[in-house]
PDB file of N, CA and C in Angstrom:
ATOM      1  N   MET A   1     -23.373  24.469  18.822  1.00  0.00           N
ATOM      2  CA  MET A   1     -24.440  25.156  19.424  1.00  0.00           C
ATOM      3  C   MET A   1     -25.407  24.291  19.624  1.00  0.00           C
ATOM      4  N   ILE A   2     -25.653  23.743  18.812  1.00  0.00           N
ATOM      5  CA  ILE A   2     -26.880  22.336  19.008  1.00  0.00           C
ATOM      6  C   ILE A   2     -26.643  21.528  20.401  1.00  0.00           C
ATOM      7  N   ARG A   3     -25.449  21.082  20.615  1.00  0.00           N
ATOM      8  CA  ARG A   3     -25.200  20.481  21.877  1.00  0.00           C
ATOM      9  C   ARG A   3     -25.192  21.359  22.674  1.00  0.00           C
ATOM     10  N   ARG A   4     -25.084  22.684  23.055  1.00  0.00           N
ATOM     11  CA  ARG A   4     -25.739  23.554  24.113  1.00  0.00           C
ATOM     12  C   ARG A   4     -26.826  23.469  24.537  1.00  0.00           C
ATOM     13  N   THR A   5     -27.689  23.647  23.490  1.00  0.00           N
ATOM     14  CA  THR A   5     -28.917  23.682  23.283  1.00  0.00           C
ATOM     15  C   THR A   5     -29.989  22.459  23.891  1.00  0.00           C
ATOM     16  N   SER A   6     -29.104  21.441  23.543  1.00  0.00           N
ATOM     17  CA  SER A   6     -29.645  20.176  24.036  1.00  0.00           C
ATOM     18  C   SER A   6     -29.549  19.603  25.614  1.00  0.00           C
ATOM     19  N   LEU A   7     -28.418  20.204  25.907  1.00  0.00           N
ATOM     20  CA  LEU A   7     -28.200  20.370  26.884  1.00  0.00           C
ATOM     21  C   LEU A   7     -29.209  21.115  28.181  1.00  0.00           C
ATOM     22  N   VAL A   8     -29.583  22.255  27.513  1.00  0.00           N
ATOM     23  CA  VAL A   8     -30.279  23.156  28.106  1.00  0.00           C
ATOM     24  C   VAL A   8     -31.625  22.757  28.314  1.00  0.00           C
ATOM     25  N   CYS A   9     -32.071  21.853  27.206  1.00  0.00           N
ATOM     26  CA  CYS A   9     -33.108  21.489  27.095  1.00  0.00           C
ATOM     27  C   CYS A   9     -33.323  19.929  28.130  1.00  0.00           C
ATOM     28  N   THR A  10     -32.719  19.564  27.899  1.00  0.00           N
ATOM     29  CA  THR A  10     -32.211  18.150  28.894  1.00  0.00           C
ATOM     30  C   THR A  10     -32.679  18.845  30.233  1.00  0.00           C
ATOM     31  N   LEU A  11     -32.126  19.283  30.713  1.00  0.00           N
ATOM     32  CA  LEU A  11     -31.530  20.291  32.416  1.00  0.00           C
ATOM     33  C   LEU A  11     -33.080  20.644  32.143  1.00  0.00           C
ATOM     34  N   PHE A  12     -34.027  21.261  31.876  1.00  0.00           N
ATOM     35  CA  PHE A  12     -35.032  21.967  31.854  1.00  0.00           C
ATOM     36  C   PHE A  12     -36.126  20.624  31.915  1.00  0.00           C
ATOM     37  N   LEU A  13     -36.090  19.657  30.731  1.00  0.00           N
ATOM     38  CA  LEU A  13     -36.815  18.526  31.269  1.00  0.00           C
ATOM     39  C   LEU A  13     -36.558  17.691  32.572  1.00  0.00           C
ATOM     40  N   MET A  14     -35.366  17.826  32.788  1.00  0.00           N
ATOM     41  CA  MET A  14     -35.195  17.118  34.489  1.00  0.00           C
ATOM     42  C   MET A  14     -35.583  17.689  35.628  1.00  0.00           C
ATOM     43  N   LEU A  15     -35.761  19.269  35.534  1.00  0.00           N
ATOM     44  CA  LEU A  15     -36.289  19.760  36.595  1.00  0.00           C
ATOM     45  C   LEU A  15     -37.699  20.083  36.799  1.00  0.00           C
ATOM     46  N   GLY A  16     -38.309  19.776  35.028  1.00  0.00           N
ATOM     47  CA  GLY A  16     -39.710  19.285  35.375  1.00  0.00           C
ATOM     48  C   GLY A  16     -40.464  18.002  35.964  1.00  0.00           C
ATOM     49  N   GLY A  17     -39.414  17.206  35.913  1.00  0.00           N
ATOM     50  CA  GLY A  17     -39.686  15.918  36.268  1.00  0.00           C
ATOM     51  C   GLY A  17     -39.560  15.752  37.921  1.00  0.00           C
ATOM     52  N   CYS A  18     -38.983  16.408  38.448  1.00  0.00           N
ATOM     53  CA  CYS A  18     -38.235  16.338  39.621  1.00  0.00           C
ATOM     54  C   CYS A  18     -39.121  17.101  40.760  1.00  0.00           C
ATOM     55  N   GLY A  19     -39.305  16.625  42.083  1.00  0.00           N
ATOM     56  CA  GLY A  19     -39.951  17.508  42.790  1.00  0.00           C
ATOM     57  C   GLY A  19     -41.261  17.056  43.445  1.00  0.00           C
ATOM     58  N   SER A  20     -41.912  15.839  43.167  1.00  0.00           N
ATOM     59  CA  SER A  20     -43.256  15.631  43.880  1.00  0.00           C
ATOM     60  C   SER A  20     -43.352  15.664  45.283  1.00  0.00           C
ATOM     61  N   ILE A  21     -43.915  16.126  45.852  1.00  0.00           N
ATOM     62  CA  ILE A  21     -44.571  15.944  47.095  1.00  0.00           C
ATOM     63  C   ILE A  21     -45.221  15.169  47.686  1.00  0.00           C
ATOM     64  N   THR A  22     -44.542  14.106  48.791  1.00  0.00           N
ATOM     65  CA  THR A  22     -44.903  12.804  49.404  1.00  0.00           C
ATOM     66  C   THR A  22     -45.524  13.406  50.566  1.00  0.00           C
ATOM     67  N   LEU A  23     -46.895  12.347  51.083  1.00  0.00           N
ATOM     68  CA  LEU A  23     -47.072  12.638  52.041  1.00  0.00           C
ATOM     69  C   LEU A  23     -46.421  12.295  53.681  1.00  0.00           C
ATOM     70  N   THR A  24     -46.716  13.005  54.435  1.00  0.00           N
ATOM     71  CA  THR A  24     -45.658  12.647  55.957  1.00  0.00           C
ATOM     72  C   THR A  24     -46.763  11.787  56.457  1.00  0.00           C
ATOM     73  N   HIS A  25     -45.718  11.180  57.384  1.00  0.00           N
ATOM     74  CA  HIS A  25     -46.661  10.460  58.232  1.00  0.00           C
ATOM     75  C   HIS A  25     -47.939  10.919  58.883  1.00  0.00           C
ATOM     76  N   ASP A  26     -47.096  12.003  59.962  1.00  0.00           N
ATOM     77  CA  ASP A  26     -48.416  12.783  60.388  1.00  0.00           C
ATOM     78  C   ASP A  26     -49.733  13.231  59.525  1.00  0.00           C
ATOM     79  N   ALA A  27     -49.650  13.200  58.438  1.00  0.00           N
ATOM     80  CA  ALA A  27     -50.435  13.703  57.128  1.00  0.00           C
ATOM     81  C   ALA A  27     -51.590  12.980  56.813  1.00  0.00           C
ATOM     82  N   GLN A  28     -50.938  11.342  56.778  1.00  0.00           N
ATOM     83  CA  GLN A  28     -51.569  10.166  56.525  1.00  0.00           C
ATOM     84  C   GLN A  28     -53.441  10.534  56.837  1.00  0.00           C
ATOM     85  N   VAL A  29     -53.700  10.892  57.854  1.00  0.00           N
ATOM     86  CA  VAL A  29     -54.432  10.565  58.811  1.00  0.00           C
ATOM     87  C   VAL A  29     -55.578  12.260  58.499  1.00  0.00           C
ATOM     88  N   VAL A  30     -54.937  12.959  57.723  1.00  0.00           N
ATOM     89  CA  VAL A  30     -55.627  14.139  57.886  1.00  0.00           C
ATOM     90  C   VAL A  30     -56.761  14.210  56.325  1.00  0.00           C
ATOM     91  N   ARG A  31     -57.849  14.758  56.926  1.00  0.00           N
ATOM     92  CA  ARG A  31     -58.931  14.911  55.899  1.00  0.00           C
ATOM     93  C   ARG A  31     -59.270  15.869  54.709  1.00  0.00           C
ATOM     94  N   ILE A  32     -59.316  16.341  53.888  1.00  0.00           N
ATOM     95  CA  ILE A  32     -60.001  17.820  53.860  1.00  0.00           C
ATOM     96  C   ILE A  32     -61.539  17.748  53.472  1.00  0.00           C
ATOM     97  N   VAL A  33     -62.021  18.576  54.097  1.00  0.00           N
ATOM     98  CA  VAL A  33     -63.641  19.103  54.101  1.00  0.00           C
ATOM     99  C   VAL A  33     -63.758  20.404  53.605  1.00  0.00           C
ATOM    100  N   PHE A  34     -64.907  20.614  53.161  1.00  0.00           N
ATOM    101  CA  PHE A  34     -65.566  21.840  52.526  1.00  0.00           C
ATOM    102  C   PHE A  34     -66.665  22.555  52.998  1.00  0.00           C
ATOM    103  N   ASN A  35     -67.090  21.990  54.448  1.00  0.00           N
ATOM    104  CA  ASN A  35     -68.450  22.871  54.739  1.00  0.00           C
ATOM    105  C   ASN A  35     -68.152  23.063  56.273  1.00  0.00           C
ATOM    106  N   ASN A  36     -68.690  23.982  56.764  1.00  0.00           N
ATOM    107  CA  ASN A  36     -68.422  24.305  58.136  1.00  0.00           C
ATOM    108  C   ASN A  36     -69.116  23.150  59.007  1.00  0.00           C
ATOM    109  N   ASP A  37     -70.237  22.622  58.565  1.00  0.00           N
ATOM    110  CA  ASP A  37     -70.672  21.407  59.540  1.00  0.00           C
ATOM    111  C   ASP A  37     -69.888  20.342  59.597  1.00  0.00           C
ATOM    112  N   ASP A  38     -69.055  20.400  58.844  1.00  0.00           N
ATOM    113  CA  ASP A  38     -68.180  19.394  59.283  1.00  0.00           C
ATOM    114  C   ASP A  38     -66.805  19.565  60.130  1.00  0.00           C
ATOM    115  N   VAL A  39     -66.664  20.581  60.713  1.00  0.00           N
ATOM    116  CA  VAL A  39     -65.875  21.445  61.902  1.00  0.00           C
ATOM    117  C   VAL A  39     -66.217  21.397  62.870  1.00  0.00           C
ATOM    118  N   SER A  40     -67.747  21.288  62.812  1.00  0.00           N
ATOM    119  CA  SER A  40     -68.687  22.167  63.682  1.00  0.00           C
ATOM    120  C   SER A  40     -68.009  21.899  65.029  1.00  0.00           C
ATOM    121  N   ARG A  41     -67.774  20.501  65.465  1.00  0.00           N
ATOM    122  CA  ARG A  41     -67.294  20.043  66.551  1.00  0.00           C
ATOM    123  C   ARG A  41     -65.805  19.923  67.323  1.00  0.00           C
ATOM    124  N   CYS A  42     -65.236  20.385  66.339  1.00  0.00           N
ATOM    125  CA  CYS A  42     -63.769  20.497  66.194  1.00  0.00           C
ATOM    126  C   CYS A  42     -62.890  21.739  66.920  1.00  0.00           C
ATOM    127  N   LYS A  43     -61.762  21.591  67.385  1.00  0.00           N
ATOM    128  CA  LYS A  43     -61.201  22.291  67.664  1.00  0.00           C
ATOM    129  C   LYS A  43     -59.841  23.146  66.645  1.00  0.00           C
ATOM    130  N   PHE A  44     -60.386  24.393  66.773  1.00  0.00           N
ATOM    131  CA  PHE A  44     -59.650  25.154  65.742  1.00  0.00           C
ATOM    132  C   PHE A  44     -58.265  25.289  66.195  1.00  0.00           C
ATOM    133  N   ILE A  45     -57.631  24.990  65.197  1.00  0.00           N
ATOM    134  CA  ILE A  45     -55.971  25.099  65.292  1.00  0.00           C
ATOM    135  C   ILE A  45     -55.106  26.332  64.759  1.00  0.00           C
ATOM    136  N   GLY A  46     -55.422  26.818  63.436  1.00  0.00           N
ATOM    137  CA  GLY A  46     -54.731  27.759  62.830  1.00  0.00           C
ATOM    138  C   GLY A  46     -55.081  27.615  61.140  1.00  0.00           C
ATOM    139  N   GLU A  47     -54.677  28.809  60.553  1.00  0.00           N
ATOM    140  CA  GLU A  47     -54.565  28.481  59.483  1.00  0.00           C
ATOM    141  C   GLU A  47     -53.173  28.094  58.529  1.00  0.00           C
ATOM    142  N   VAL A  48     -53.408  27.164  57.726  1.00  0.00           N
ATOM    143  CA  VAL A  48     -52.549  26.605  56.574  1.00  0.00           C
ATOM    144  C   VAL A  48     -52.824  26.811  55.223  1.00  0.00           C
ATOM    145  N   THR A  49     -51.434  26.472  54.490  1.00  0.00           N
ATOM    146  CA  THR A  49     -51.671  26.744  53.342  1.00  0.00           C
ATOM    147  C   THR A  49     -50.682  25.418  52.483  1.00  0.00           C
ATOM    148  N   GLY A  50     -51.208  25.278  51.153  1.00  0.00           N
ATOM    149  CA  GLY A  50     -50.322  24.306  50.579  1.00  0.00           C
ATOM    150  C   GLY A  50     -50.049  24.796  49.312  1.00  0.00           C
ATOM    151  N   SER A  51     -48.976  24.696  48.800  1.00  0.00           N
ATOM    152  CA  SER A  51     -48.319  25.164  47.299  1.00  0.00           C
ATOM    153  C   SER A  51     -47.679  24.427  46.864  1.00  0.00           C
ATOM    154  N   TRP A  52     -47.319  24.049  45.288  1.00  0.00           N
ATOM    155  CA  TRP A  52     -47.031  23.819  44.570  1.00  0.00           C
ATOM    156  C   TRP A  52     -46.533  24.433  42.808  1.00  0.00           C
ATOM    157  N   GLY A  53     -45.395  23.960  42.826  1.00  0.00           N
ATOM    158  CA  GLY A  53     -45.175  24.800  41.295  1.00  0.00           C
ATOM    159  C   GLY A  53     -44.168  25.917  41.358  1.00  0.00           C
ATOM    160  N   HIS A  54     -43.422  25.737  40.341  1.00  0.00           N
ATOM    161  CA  HIS A  54     -42.142  26.799  40.457  1.00  0.00           C
ATOM    162  C   HIS A  54     -42.074  27.484  39.310  1.00  0.00           C
ATOM    163  N   TRP A  55     -41.381  28.524  38.817  1.00  0.00           N
ATOM    164  CA  TRP A  55     -40.963  29.410  37.549  1.00  0.00           C
ATOM    165  C   TRP A  55     -40.600  28.513  36.589  1.00  0.00           C
ATOM    166  N   TYR A  56     -39.528  27.469  36.937  1.00  0.00           N
ATOM    167  CA  TYR A  56     -38.595  27.109  36.414  1.00  0.00           C
ATOM    168  C   TYR A  56     -38.953  25.815  35.795  1.00  0.00           C
ATOM    169  N   ASN A  57     -40.351  25.113  36.301  1.00  0.00           N
ATOM    170  CA  ASN A  57     -40.758  23.871  35.778  1.00  0.00           C
ATOM    171  C   ASN A  57     -41.947  23.861  35.690  1.00  0.00           C
ATOM    172  N   PHE A  58     -43.000  24.933  35.563  1.00  0.00           N
ATOM    173  CA  PHE A  58     -44.239  24.664  35.725  1.00  0.00           C
ATOM    174  C   PHE A  58     -45.020  24.163  34.139  1.00  0.00           C
ATOM    175  N   LEU A  59     -44.004  24.297  33.277  1.00  0.00           N
ATOM    176  CA  LEU A  59     -44.337  24.526  31.776  1.00  0.00           C
ATOM    177  C   LEU A  59     -44.187  22.769  32.246  1.00  0.00           C
ATOM    178  N   PHE A  60     -43.645  22.147  32.462  1.00  0.00           N
ATOM    179  CA  PHE A  60     -43.752  20.486  32.399  1.00  0.00           C
ATOM    180  C   PHE A  60     -44.350  19.677  33.141  1.00  0.00           C
ATOM    181  N   MET A  61     -45.115  20.736  33.967  1.00  0.00           N
ATOM    182  CA  MET A  61     -45.858  19.832  35.050  1.00  0.00           C
ATOM    183  C   MET A  61     -47.502  19.894  34.377  1.00  0.00           C
ATOM    184  N   SER A  62     -48.308  18.740  34.929  1.00  0.00           N
ATOM    185  CA  SER A  62     -50.016  19.351  34.433  1.00  0.00           C
ATOM    186  C   SER A  62     -50.637  19.835  35.442  1.00  0.00           C
ATOM    187  N   ASN A  63     -51.728  20.807  35.141  1.00  0.00           N
ATOM    188  CA  ASN A  63     -52.708  21.000  36.375  1.00  0.00           C
ATOM    189  C   ASN A  63     -52.800  19.805  37.418  1.00  0.00           C
ATOM    190  N   ASP A  64     -53.412  18.921  36.971  1.00  0.00           N
ATOM    191  CA  ASP A  64     -53.435  18.082  37.770  1.00  0.00           C
ATOM    192  C   ASP A  64     -52.324  17.619  38.892  1.00  0.00           C
ATOM    193  N   ARG A  65     -51.370  17.578  38.328  1.00  0.00           N
ATOM    194  CA  ARG A  65     -50.389  17.183  39.511  1.00  0.00           C
ATOM    195  C   ARG A  65     -49.562  18.432  40.225  1.00  0.00           C
ATOM    196  N   MET A  66     -50.051  19.725  39.933  1.00  0.00           N
ATOM    197  CA  MET A  66     -49.985  21.016  40.488  1.00  0.00           C
ATOM    198  C   MET A  66     -50.711  20.978  41.613  1.00  0.00           C
ATOM    199  N   ILE A  67     -52.055  20.598  41.137  1.00  0.00           N
ATOM    200  CA  ILE A  67     -53.142  20.552  42.159  1.00  0.00           C
ATOM    201  C   ILE A  67     -52.778  19.508  43.401  1.00  0.00           C
ATOM    202  N   ARG A  68     -53.018  18.622  43.106  1.00  0.00           N
ATOM    203  CA  ARG A  68     -52.198  17.323  43.663  1.00  0.00           C
ATOM    204  C   ARG A  68     -51.307  17.440  44.973  1.00  0.00           C
ATOM    205  N   ASP A  69     -50.199  18.101  44.351  1.00  0.00           N
ATOM    206  CA  ASP A  69     -49.142  18.331  45.337  1.00  0.00           C
ATOM    207  C   ASP A  69     -49.449  19.400  45.805  1.00  0.00           C
ATOM    208  N   ALA A  70     -50.209  20.379  45.612  1.00  0.00           N
ATOM    209  CA  ALA A  70     -50.495  21.646  46.540  1.00  0.00           C
ATOM    210  C   ALA A  70     -51.336  21.125  47.594  1.00  0.00           C
ATOM    211  N   LEU A  71     -52.459  20.057  47.548  1.00  0.00           N
ATOM    212  CA  LEU A  71     -53.222  19.531  48.350  1.00  0.00           C
ATOM    213  C   LEU A  71     -52.398  18.655  49.258  1.00  0.00           C
ATOM    214  N   THR A  72     -51.506  17.727  48.613  1.00  0.00           N
ATOM    215  CA  THR A  72     -50.701  16.924  49.781  1.00  0.00           C
ATOM    216  C   THR A  72     -49.633  18.039  50.342  1.00  0.00           C
ATOM    217  N   ASP A  73     -49.446  19.120  49.838  1.00  0.00           N
ATOM    218  CA  ASP A  73     -48.763  19.851  50.904  1.00  0.00           C
ATOM    219  C   ASP A  73     -49.401  20.649  51.914  1.00  0.00           C
ATOM    220  N   LEU A  74     -50.964  21.018  51.530  1.00  0.00           N
ATOM    221  CA  LEU A  74     -51.715  21.880  52.750  1.00  0.00           C
ATOM    222  C   LEU A  74     -51.978  20.436  53.637  1.00  0.00           C
ATOM    223  N   ARG A  75     -52.128  19.074  53.326  1.00  0.00           N
ATOM    224  CA  ARG A  75     -52.657  18.065  54.098  1.00  0.00           C
ATOM    225  C   ARG A  75     -51.054  17.757  55.229  1.00  0.00           C
ATOM    226  N   ASN A  76     -49.796  18.058  54.739  1.00  0.00           N
ATOM    227  CA  ASN A  76     -48.507  18.104  55.269  1.00  0.00           C
ATOM    228  C   ASN A  76     -48.138  18.940  56.647  1.00  0.00           C
ATOM    229  N   ASN A  77     -48.859  20.267  55.936  1.00  0.00           N
ATOM    230  CA  ASN A  77     -49.069  21.536  57.061  1.00  0.00           C
ATOM    231  C   ASN A  77     -50.012  21.155  57.928  1.00  0.00           C
ATOM    232  N   THR A  78     -50.733  20.923  57.426  1.00  0.00           N
ATOM    233  CA  THR A  78     -51.966  20.489  58.859  1.00  0.00           C
ATOM    234  C   THR A  78     -51.415  19.450  59.712  1.00  0.00           C
ATOM    235  N   GLY A  79     -50.715  18.538  59.550  1.00  0.00           N
ATOM    236  CA  GLY A  79     -50.330  17.392  60.176  1.00  0.00           C
ATOM    237  C   GLY A  79     -49.083  17.880  61.096  1.00  0.00           C
ATOM    238  N   LYS A  80     -48.311  18.960  60.413  1.00  0.00           N
ATOM    239  CA  LYS A  80     -47.480  19.678  61.235  1.00  0.00           C
ATOM    240  C   LYS A  80     -47.821  20.824  62.252  1.00  0.00           C
ATOM    241  N   VAL A  81     -48.810  20.864  62.431  1.00  0.00           N
ATOM    242  CA  VAL A  81     -49.591  22.052  63.080  1.00  0.00           C
ATOM    243  C   VAL A  81     -50.910  21.021  64.308  1.00  0.00           C
ATOM    244  N   GLY A  82     -50.684  19.797  64.011  1.00  0.00           N
ATOM    245  CA  GLY A  82     -51.381  19.055  64.959  1.00  0.00           C
ATOM    246  C   GLY A  82     -52.617  18.423  64.081  1.00  0.00           C
ATOM    247  N   GLY A  83     -53.345  19.242  63.042  1.00  0.00           N
ATOM    248  CA  GLY A  83     -54.608  18.675  62.438  1.00  0.00           C
ATOM    249  C   GLY A  83     -54.526  17.554  62.435  1.00  0.00           C
ATOM    250  N   ASN A  84     -56.196  16.809  62.356  1.00  0.00           N
ATOM    251  CA  ASN A  84     -56.031  15.974  61.187  1.00  0.00           C
ATOM    252  C   ASN A  84     -57.288  15.876  60.442  1.00  0.00           C
ATOM    253  N   THR A  85     -57.727  17.233  60.248  1.00  0.00           N
ATOM    254  CA  THR A  85     -59.059  18.026  59.234  1.00  0.00           C
ATOM    255  C   THR A  85     -58.240  19.194  58.610  1.00  0.00           C
ATOM    256  N   VAL A  86     -58.498  19.419  57.446  1.00  0.00           N
ATOM    257  CA  VAL A  86     -58.332  20.814  56.755  1.00  0.00           C
ATOM    258  C   VAL A  86     -59.475  20.885  56.593  1.00  0.00           C
ATOM    259  N   LYS A  87     -60.082  22.505  56.739  1.00  0.00           N
ATOM    260  CA  LYS A  87     -60.923  22.688  55.619  1.00  0.00           C
ATOM    261  C   LYS A  87     -60.822  23.789  54.920  1.00  0.00           C
ATOM    262  N   LEU A  88     -61.080  23.632  52.997  1.00  0.00           N
ATOM    263  CA  LEU A  88     -60.491  24.524  52.433  1.00  0.00           C
ATOM    264  C   LEU A  88     -61.358  25.616  52.239  1.00  0.00           C
ATOM    265  N   THR A  89     -60.857  26.848  52.416  1.00  0.00           N
ATOM    266  CA  THR A  89     -61.459  28.018  52.437  1.00  0.00           C
ATOM    267  C   THR A  89     -61.713  28.596  50.980  1.00  0.00           C
ATOM    268  N   ASP A  90     -62.333  29.687  50.750  1.00  0.00           N
ATOM    269  CA  ASP A  90     -63.071  30.333  49.367  1.00  0.00           C
ATOM    270  C   ASP A  90     -61.705  31.059  48.561  1.00  0.00           C
ATOM    271  N   GLN A  91     -60.968  31.491  49.856  1.00  0.00           N
ATOM    272  CA  GLN A  91     -59.772  32.388  49.145  1.00  0.00           C
ATOM    273  C   GLN A  91     -58.782  31.149  48.432  1.00  0.00           C
ATOM    274  N   HIS A  92     -58.102  31.903  47.402  1.00  0.00           N
ATOM    275  CA  HIS A  92     -57.359  31.353  46.528  1.00  0.00           C
ATOM    276  C   HIS A  92     -56.510  32.385  45.901  1.00  0.00           C
ATOM    277  N   VAL A  93     -55.330  32.143  45.400  1.00  0.00           N
ATOM    278  CA  VAL A  93     -54.538  33.198  44.520  1.00  0.00           C
ATOM    279  C   VAL A  93     -54.118  32.432  43.352  1.00  0.00           C
ATOM    280  N   GLU A  94     -54.118  32.538  42.179  1.00  0.00           N
ATOM    281  CA  GLU A  94     -53.889  32.127  40.967  1.00  0.00           C
ATOM    282  C   GLU A  94     -52.552  33.344  40.433  1.00  0.00           C
ATOM    283  N   PHE A  95     -51.599  31.846  40.381  1.00  0.00           N
ATOM    284  CA  PHE A  95     -50.347  32.296  39.730  1.00  0.00           C
ATOM    285  C   PHE A  95     -50.422  31.624  38.442  1.00  0.00           C
ATOM    286  N   GLY A  96     -49.546  32.317  37.460  1.00  0.00           N
ATOM    287  CA  GLY A  96     -49.331  31.619  36.503  1.00  0.00           C
ATOM    288  C   GLY A  96     -48.508  30.094  36.545  1.00  0.00           C
ATOM    289  N   THR A  97     -47.545  30.393  37.390  1.00  0.00           N
ATOM    290  CA  THR A  97     -46.374  28.981  37.839  1.00  0.00           C
ATOM    291  C   THR A  97     -46.912  28.035  38.624  1.00  0.00           C
ATOM    292  N   SER A  98     -48.008  28.436  39.856  1.00  0.00           N
ATOM    293  CA  SER A  98     -48.114  27.735  40.610  1.00  0.00           C
ATOM    294  C   SER A  98     -49.491  27.387  40.874  1.00  0.00           C
ATOM    295  N   VAL A  99     -49.890  26.453  42.542  1.00  0.00           N
ATOM    296  CA  VAL A  99     -51.371  26.417  42.594  1.00  0.00           C
ATOM    297  C   VAL A  99     -51.130  26.618  44.436  1.00  0.00           C
ATOM    298  N   THR A 100     -51.815  27.441  44.602  1.00  0.00           N
ATOM    299  CA  THR A 100     -52.083  27.450  46.443  1.00  0.00           C
ATOM    300  C   THR A 100     -53.419  27.217  46.942  1.00  0.00           C
ATOM    301  N   PHE A 101     -53.318  26.776  48.130  1.00  0.00           N
ATOM    302  CA  PHE A 101     -54.821  26.827  48.520  1.00  0.00           C
ATOM    303  C   PHE A 101     -54.338  27.131  50.091  1.00  0.00           C
ATOM    304  N   TRP A 102     -55.290  27.697  50.667  1.00  0.00           N
ATOM    305  CA  TRP A 102     -55.725  27.970  51.844  1.00  0.00           C
ATOM    306  C   TRP A 102     -56.672  27.265  53.074  1.00  0.00           C
ATOM    307  N   GLY A 103     -56.475  27.192  53.985  1.00  0.00           N
ATOM    308  CA  GLY A 103     -57.032  26.264  54.745  1.00  0.00           C
ATOM    309  C   GLY A 103     -57.062  26.494  56.008  1.00  0.00           C
ATOM    310  N   GLN A 104     -57.933  25.717  57.039  1.00  0.00           N
ATOM    311  CA  GLN A 104     -58.098  26.408  58.517  1.00  0.00           C
ATOM    312  C   GLN A 104     -57.903  25.208  58.977  1.00  0.00           C
ATOM    313  N   ALA A 105     -56.787  24.496  60.007  1.00  0.00           N
ATOM    314  CA  ALA A 105     -56.644  23.184  60.785  1.00  0.00           C
ATOM    315  C   ALA A 105     -57.361  23.061  61.334  1.00  0.00           C
ATOM    316  N   TYR A 106     -58.093  21.899  61.718  1.00  0.00           N
ATOM    317  CA  TYR A 106     -58.666  21.431  62.918  1.00  0.00           C
ATOM    318  C   TYR A 106     -58.060  20.229  63.332  1.00  0.00           C
ATOM    319  N   GLN A 107     -58.734  20.205  64.694  1.00  0.00           N
ATOM    320  CA  GLN A 107     -58.092  18.678  65.438  1.00  0.00           C
ATOM    321  C   GLN A 107     -59.445  18.043  65.855  1.00  0.00           C
ATOM    322  N   CYS A 108     -60.325  17.238  65.300  1.00  0.00           N
ATOM    323  CA  CYS A 108     -61.377  16.802  65.286  1.00  0.00           C
ATOM    324  C   CYS A 108     -61.577  15.162  66.033  1.00  0.00           C
ATOM    325  N   LYS A 109     -62.223  14.708  66.599  1.00  0.00           N
ATOM    326  CA  LYS A 109     -62.623  13.308  67.084  1.00  0.00           C
ATOM    327  C   LYS A 109     -62.781  12.085  66.410  1.00  0.00           C
TER     328      LYS A 109
END
């Protein structure tokens, strides 16, 4: 029984350490802004989201890591739609197991 418990604990620890998001090539130039003035001369592309965290590994990840990975996901998704700037919106969802950001993707000169 102890052996089985050790195996299950090891599996969950491994799951918790896996899966950090990396910044894609397109997202390298994406900047995050917070004010309408920062995008006043930019072309609006569309709404984007960025999320990170799962029900099976959130206990093993720090809030800081989940926030950073959610912001990286937001930048990646902005790059996918051709944006180079993302304005964070005031909308947010509070989940106990993940972090999600909503933003607006823009193409700025």
